[in-house]
Amino acid sequence: MAMNLRLDTAHEELLESLAKEERRTKTEIVKLAIEERASKADKSARTRAIFARIMEEDADLLDELSK
């Protein structure tokens, strides 16, 4: 699926620089950025879920430790 991406001059220059530096196309750089962002969001959601489970399961212990 094709998509147009409109960037201001600063972002266009940054994208161009990254593409040259990594010897990739600008499209590849954008795709990698999207994948990295999605991965980071997924890790954050998993971390929050794990933290919530620990808080629930160990509420008594955490309460005692806080005293």
PDB file of N, CA and C in Angstrom:
ATOM      1  N   MET A   1       0.843  -1.173   0.000  1.00  0.00           N
ATOM      2  CA  MET A   1       0.000   0.000   0.000  1.00  0.00           C
ATOM      3  C   MET A   1       0.893   1.243   0.000  1.00  0.00           C
ATOM      4  N   ALA A   2       0.649   2.122  -0.890  1.00  0.00           N
ATOM      5  CA  ALA A   2       1.442   3.340  -1.004  1.00  0.00           C
ATOM      6  C   ALA A   2       0.936   4.403  -0.034  1.00  0.00           C
ATOM      7  N   MET A   3       1.864   5.282   0.372  1.00  0.00           N
ATOM      8  CA  MET A   3       1.507   6.343   1.300  1.00  0.00           C
ATOM      9  C   MET A   3       2.406   7.543   1.041  1.00  0.00           C
ATOM     10  N   ASN A   4       1.828   8.711   1.131  1.00  0.00           N
ATOM     11  CA  ASN A   4       2.622   9.935   1.036  1.00  0.00           C
ATOM     12  C   ASN A   4       2.969  10.386   2.438  1.00  0.00           C
ATOM     13  N   LEU A   5       4.218  10.793   2.618  1.00  0.00           N
ATOM     14  CA  LEU A   5       4.674  11.273   3.914  1.00  0.00           C
ATOM     15  C   LEU A   5       5.178  12.690   3.728  1.00  0.00           C
ATOM     16  N   ARG A   6       4.543  13.629   4.401  1.00  0.00           N
ATOM     17  CA  ARG A   6       4.943  15.023   4.289  1.00  0.00           C
ATOM     18  C   ARG A   6       5.789  15.397   5.501  1.00  0.00           C
ATOM     19  N   LEU A   7       6.998  15.837   5.246  1.00  0.00           N
ATOM     20  CA  LEU A   7       7.928  16.219   6.305  1.00  0.00           C
ATOM     21  C   LEU A   7       8.345  17.664   6.135  1.00  0.00           C
ATOM     22  N   ASP A   8       8.610  18.324   7.243  1.00  0.00           N
ATOM     23  CA  ASP A   8       9.198  19.657   7.147  1.00  0.00           C
ATOM     24  C   ASP A   8      10.668  19.491   6.765  1.00  0.00           C
ATOM     25  N   THR A   9      11.312  20.575   6.475  1.00  0.00           N
ATOM     26  CA  THR A   9      12.693  20.533   6.002  1.00  0.00           C
ATOM     27  C   THR A   9      13.628  19.854   6.998  1.00  0.00           C
ATOM     28  N   ALA A  10      13.476  20.163   8.264  1.00  0.00           N
ATOM     29  CA  ALA A  10      14.367  19.596   9.284  1.00  0.00           C
ATOM     30  C   ALA A  10      14.239  18.072   9.345  1.00  0.00           C
ATOM     31  N   HIS A  11      13.014  17.569   9.315  1.00  0.00           N
ATOM     32  CA  HIS A  11      12.815  16.125   9.370  1.00  0.00           C
ATOM     33  C   HIS A  11      13.258  15.443   8.075  1.00  0.00           C
ATOM     34  N   GLU A  12      13.048  16.106   6.954  1.00  0.00           N
ATOM     35  CA  GLU A  12      13.514  15.558   5.679  1.00  0.00           C
ATOM     36  C   GLU A  12      15.038  15.433   5.683  1.00  0.00           C
ATOM     37  N   GLU A  13      15.714  16.453   6.191  1.00  0.00           N
ATOM     38  CA  GLU A  13      17.179  16.415   6.256  1.00  0.00           C
ATOM     39  C   GLU A  13      17.653  15.324   7.220  1.00  0.00           C
ATOM     40  N   LEU A  14      16.970  15.182   8.327  1.00  0.00           N
ATOM     41  CA  LEU A  14      17.315  14.136   9.292  1.00  0.00           C
ATOM     42  C   LEU A  14      17.117  12.745   8.687  1.00  0.00           C
ATOM     43  N   LEU A  15      16.013  12.557   7.997  1.00  0.00           N
ATOM     44  CA  LEU A  15      15.748  11.277   7.348  1.00  0.00           C
ATOM     45  C   LEU A  15      16.795  10.977   6.282  1.00  0.00           C
ATOM     46  N   GLU A  16      17.124  11.970   5.495  1.00  0.00           N
ATOM     47  CA  GLU A  16      18.153  11.815   4.462  1.00  0.00           C
ATOM     48  C   GLU A  16      19.498  11.445   5.084  1.00  0.00           C
ATOM     49  N   SER A  17      19.840  12.109   6.167  1.00  0.00           N
ATOM     50  CA  SER A  17      21.097  11.851   6.853  1.00  0.00           C
ATOM     51  C   SER A  17      21.146  10.431   7.412  1.00  0.00           C
ATOM     52  N   LEU A  18      20.069  10.007   8.051  1.00  0.00           N
ATOM     53  CA  LEU A  18      20.009   8.643   8.590  1.00  0.00           C
ATOM     54  C   LEU A  18      20.124   7.605   7.476  1.00  0.00           C
ATOM     55  N   ALA A  19      19.447   7.852   6.384  1.00  0.00           N
ATOM     56  CA  ALA A  19      19.485   6.910   5.261  1.00  0.00           C
ATOM     57  C   ALA A  19      20.910   6.781   4.706  1.00  0.00           C
ATOM     58  N   LYS A  20      21.574   7.897   4.541  1.00  0.00           N
ATOM     59  CA  LYS A  20      22.951   7.857   4.043  1.00  0.00           C
ATOM     60  C   LYS A  20      23.872   7.157   5.036  1.00  0.00           C
ATOM     61  N   GLU A  21      23.731   7.510   6.302  1.00  0.00           N
ATOM     62  CA  GLU A  21      24.586   6.957   7.350  1.00  0.00           C
ATOM     63  C   GLU A  21      24.440   5.438   7.460  1.00  0.00           C
ATOM     64  N   GLU A  22      23.214   4.956   7.328  1.00  0.00           N
ATOM     65  CA  GLU A  22      22.949   3.529   7.485  1.00  0.00           C
ATOM     66  C   GLU A  22      22.937   2.781   6.143  1.00  0.00           C
ATOM     67  N   ARG A  23      23.174   3.522   5.074  1.00  0.00           N
ATOM     68  CA  ARG A  23      23.143   2.941   3.720  1.00  0.00           C
ATOM     69  C   ARG A  23      21.838   2.188   3.471  1.00  0.00           C
ATOM     70  N   ARG A  24      20.748   2.879   3.755  1.00  0.00           N
ATOM     71  CA  ARG A  24      19.399   2.341   3.543  1.00  0.00           C
ATOM     72  C   ARG A  24      18.596   3.382   2.777  1.00  0.00           C
ATOM     73  N   THR A  25      17.453   2.942   2.281  1.00  0.00           N
ATOM     74  CA  THR A  25      16.561   3.899   1.645  1.00  0.00           C
ATOM     75  C   THR A  25      15.797   4.652   2.738  1.00  0.00           C
ATOM     76  N   LYS A  26      15.240   5.768   2.357  1.00  0.00           N
ATOM     77  CA  LYS A  26      14.433   6.522   3.316  1.00  0.00           C
ATOM     78  C   LYS A  26      13.211   5.703   3.730  1.00  0.00           C
ATOM     79  N   THR A  27      12.665   4.930   2.823  1.00  0.00           N
ATOM     80  CA  THR A  27      11.532   4.067   3.132  1.00  0.00           C
ATOM     81  C   THR A  27      11.914   3.038   4.189  1.00  0.00           C
ATOM     82  N   GLU A  28      13.084   2.448   4.055  1.00  0.00           N
ATOM     83  CA  GLU A  28      13.539   1.474   5.045  1.00  0.00           C
ATOM     84  C   GLU A  28      13.685   2.120   6.421  1.00  0.00           C
ATOM     85  N   ILE A  29      14.222   3.324   6.467  1.00  0.00           N
ATOM     86  CA  ILE A  29      14.393   4.033   7.739  1.00  0.00           C
ATOM     87  C   ILE A  29      13.039   4.278   8.395  1.00  0.00           C
ATOM     88  N   VAL A  30      12.058   4.705   7.618  1.00  0.00           N
ATOM     89  CA  VAL A  30      10.719   4.969   8.162  1.00  0.00           C
ATOM     90  C   VAL A  30      10.093   3.672   8.669  1.00  0.00           C
ATOM     91  N   LYS A  31      10.210   2.587   7.897  1.00  0.00           N
ATOM     92  CA  LYS A  31       9.654   1.301   8.330  1.00  0.00           C
ATOM     93  C   LYS A  31      10.294   0.828   9.627  1.00  0.00           C
ATOM     94  N   LEU A  32      11.618   0.960   9.727  1.00  0.00           N
ATOM     95  CA  LEU A  32      12.308   0.564  10.953  1.00  0.00           C
ATOM     96  C   LEU A  32      11.839   1.395  12.145  1.00  0.00           C
ATOM     97  N   ALA A  33      11.644   2.681  11.936  1.00  0.00           N
ATOM     98  CA  ALA A  33      11.176   3.556  13.016  1.00  0.00           C
ATOM     99  C   ALA A  33       9.794   3.133  13.501  1.00  0.00           C
ATOM    100  N   ILE A  34       8.923   2.769  12.572  1.00  0.00           N
ATOM    101  CA  ILE A  34       7.580   2.312  12.940  1.00  0.00           C
ATOM    102  C   ILE A  34       7.666   1.008  13.730  1.00  0.00           C
ATOM    103  N   GLU A  35       8.497   0.083  13.261  1.00  0.00           N
ATOM    104  CA  GLU A  35       8.647  -1.199  13.951  1.00  0.00           C
ATOM    105  C   GLU A  35       9.227  -1.021  15.348  1.00  0.00           C
ATOM    106  N   GLU A  36      10.218  -0.146  15.488  1.00  0.00           N
ATOM    107  CA  GLU A  36      10.814   0.109  16.802  1.00  0.00           C
ATOM    108  C   GLU A  36       9.796   0.725  17.749  1.00  0.00           C
ATOM    109  N   ARG A  37       8.997   1.650  17.255  1.00  0.00           N
ATOM    110  CA  ARG A  37       7.975   2.295  18.080  1.00  0.00           C
ATOM    111  C   ARG A  37       6.932   1.288  18.543  1.00  0.00           C
ATOM    112  N   ALA A  38       6.496   0.408  17.630  1.00  0.00           N
ATOM    113  CA  ALA A  38       5.509  -0.616  17.977  1.00  0.00           C
ATOM    114  C   ALA A  38       6.078  -1.581  19.009  1.00  0.00           C
ATOM    115  N   SER A  39       7.332  -1.961  18.849  1.00  0.00           N
ATOM    116  CA  SER A  39       7.979  -2.868  19.797  1.00  0.00           C
ATOM    117  C   SER A  39       8.070  -2.231  21.177  1.00  0.00           C
ATOM    118  N   LYS A  40       8.423  -0.964  21.208  1.00  0.00           N
ATOM    119  CA  LYS A  40       8.542  -0.244  22.477  1.00  0.00           C
ATOM    120  C   LYS A  40       7.179  -0.154  23.172  1.00  0.00           C
ATOM    121  N   ALA A  41       6.138   0.123  22.420  1.00  0.00           N
ATOM    122  CA  ALA A  41       4.790   0.220  22.991  1.00  0.00           C
ATOM    123  C   ALA A  41       4.357  -1.130  23.545  1.00  0.00           C
ATOM    124  N   ASP A  42       4.676  -2.205  22.828  1.00  0.00           N
ATOM    125  CA  ASP A  42       4.323  -3.546  23.278  1.00  0.00           C
ATOM    126  C   ASP A  42       5.039  -3.882  24.583  1.00  0.00           C
ATOM    127  N   LYS A  43       6.320  -3.543  24.671  1.00  0.00           N
ATOM    128  CA  LYS A  43       7.081  -3.805  25.896  1.00  0.00           C
ATOM    129  C   LYS A  43       6.505  -3.017  27.058  1.00  0.00           C
ATOM    130  N   SER A  44       6.099  -1.774  26.814  1.00  0.00           N
ATOM    131  CA  SER A  44       5.513  -0.955  27.876  1.00  0.00           C
ATOM    132  C   SER A  44       4.218  -1.573  28.382  1.00  0.00           C
ATOM    133  N   ALA A  45       3.394  -2.058  27.477  1.00  0.00           N
ATOM    134  CA  ALA A  45       2.123  -2.672  27.877  1.00  0.00           C
ATOM    135  C   ALA A  45       2.377  -3.935  28.693  1.00  0.00           C
ATOM    136  N   ARG A  46       3.331  -4.741  28.258  1.00  0.00           N
ATOM    137  CA  ARG A  46       3.658  -5.965  29.009  1.00  0.00           C
ATOM    138  C   ARG A  46       4.209  -5.621  30.381  1.00  0.00           C
ATOM    139  N   THR A  47       5.058  -4.605  30.446  1.00  0.00           N
ATOM    140  CA  THR A  47       5.639  -4.192  31.731  1.00  0.00           C
ATOM    141  C   THR A  47       4.547  -3.728  32.684  1.00  0.00           C
ATOM    142  N   ARG A  48       3.603  -2.932  32.191  1.00  0.00           N
ATOM    143  CA  ARG A  48       2.500  -2.469  33.045  1.00  0.00           C
ATOM    144  C   ARG A  48       1.662  -3.640  33.543  1.00  0.00           C
ATOM    145  N   ALA A  49       1.413  -4.619  32.673  1.00  0.00           N
ATOM    146  CA  ALA A  49       0.618  -5.786  33.065  1.00  0.00           C
ATOM    147  C   ALA A  49       1.338  -6.596  34.134  1.00  0.00           C
ATOM    148  N   ILE A  50       2.622  -6.788  33.979  1.00  0.00           N
ATOM    149  CA  ILE A  50       3.405  -7.531  34.966  1.00  0.00           C
ATOM    150  C   ILE A  50       3.416  -6.789  36.296  1.00  0.00           C
ATOM    151  N   PHE A  51       3.614  -5.481  36.242  1.00  0.00           N
ATOM    152  CA  PHE A  51       3.637  -4.675  37.464  1.00  0.00           C
ATOM    153  C   PHE A  51       2.284  -4.748  38.179  1.00  0.00           C
ATOM    154  N   ALA A  52       1.204  -4.670  37.431  1.00  0.00           N
ATOM    155  CA  ALA A  52      -0.130  -4.737  38.034  1.00  0.00           C
ATOM    156  C   ALA A  52      -0.347  -6.091  38.703  1.00  0.00           C
ATOM    157  N   ARG A  53       0.102  -7.163  38.058  1.00  0.00           N
ATOM    158  CA  ARG A  53      -0.040  -8.499  38.628  1.00  0.00           C
ATOM    159  C   ARG A  53       0.753  -8.611  39.932  1.00  0.00           C
ATOM    160  N   ILE A  54       1.975  -8.100  39.933  1.00  0.00           N
ATOM    161  CA  ILE A  54       2.809  -8.145  41.143  1.00  0.00           C
ATOM    162  C   ILE A  54       2.159  -7.334  42.259  1.00  0.00           C
ATOM    163  N   MET A  55       1.663  -6.156  41.923  1.00  0.00           N
ATOM    164  CA  MET A  55       1.021  -5.319  42.943  1.00  0.00           C
ATOM    165  C   MET A  55      -0.179  -6.035  43.553  1.00  0.00           C
ATOM    166  N   GLU A  56      -0.925  -6.745  42.741  1.00  0.00           N
ATOM    167  CA  GLU A  56      -2.098  -7.464  43.235  1.00  0.00           C
ATOM    168  C   GLU A  56      -1.695  -8.687  44.059  1.00  0.00           C
ATOM    169  N   GLU A  57      -0.786  -9.483  43.531  1.00  0.00           N
ATOM    170  CA  GLU A  57      -0.404 -10.723  44.198  1.00  0.00           C
ATOM    171  C   GLU A  57       0.391 -10.485  45.480  1.00  0.00           C
ATOM    172  N   ASP A  58       1.175  -9.455  45.516  1.00  0.00           N
ATOM    173  CA  ASP A  58       2.054  -9.210  46.654  1.00  0.00           C
ATOM    174  C   ASP A  58       1.669  -7.958  47.443  1.00  0.00           C
ATOM    175  N   ALA A  59       0.406  -7.599  47.398  1.00  0.00           N
ATOM    176  CA  ALA A  59      -0.052  -6.380  48.067  1.00  0.00           C
ATOM    177  C   ALA A  59       0.275  -6.389  49.558  1.00  0.00           C
ATOM    178  N   ASP A  60       0.019  -7.513  50.229  1.00  0.00           N
ATOM    179  CA  ASP A  60       0.285  -7.597  51.673  1.00  0.00           C
ATOM    180  C   ASP A  60       1.775  -7.442  51.966  1.00  0.00           C
ATOM    181  N   LEU A  61       2.579  -8.145  51.218  1.00  0.00           N
ATOM    182  CA  LEU A  61       4.035  -8.068  51.404  1.00  0.00           C
ATOM    183  C   LEU A  61       4.539  -6.643  51.150  1.00  0.00           C
ATOM    184  N   LEU A  62       4.077  -6.037  50.083  1.00  0.00           N
ATOM    185  CA  LEU A  62       4.509  -4.658  49.773  1.00  0.00           C
ATOM    186  C   LEU A  62       4.061  -3.690  50.858  1.00  0.00           C
ATOM    187  N   ASP A  63       2.881  -3.918  51.400  1.00  0.00           N
ATOM    188  CA  ASP A  63       2.396  -3.068  52.479  1.00  0.00           C
ATOM    189  C   ASP A  63       3.290  -3.197  53.705  1.00  0.00           C
ATOM    190  N   GLU A  64       3.663  -4.416  54.053  1.00  0.00           N
ATOM    191  CA  GLU A  64       4.549  -4.646  55.198  1.00  0.00           C
ATOM    192  C   GLU A  64       5.920  -4.019  54.971  1.00  0.00           C
ATOM    193  N   LEU A  65       6.433  -4.145  53.780  1.00  0.00           N
ATOM    194  CA  LEU A  65       7.748  -3.585  53.473  1.00  0.00           C
ATOM    195  C   LEU A  65       7.754  -2.057  53.518  1.00  0.00           C
ATOM    196  N   SER A  66       6.616  -1.456  53.267  1.00  0.00           N
ATOM    197  CA  SER A  66       6.553   0.002  53.249  1.00  0.00           C
ATOM    198  C   SER A  66       6.501   0.614  54.647  1.00  0.00           C
ATOM    199  N   LYS A  67       6.320  -0.221  55.676  1.00  0.00           N
ATOM    200  CA  LYS A  67       6.206   0.294  57.057  1.00  0.00           C
ATOM    201  C   LYS A  67       7.565   0.459  57.679  1.00  0.00           C
TER     202      LYS A  67
END
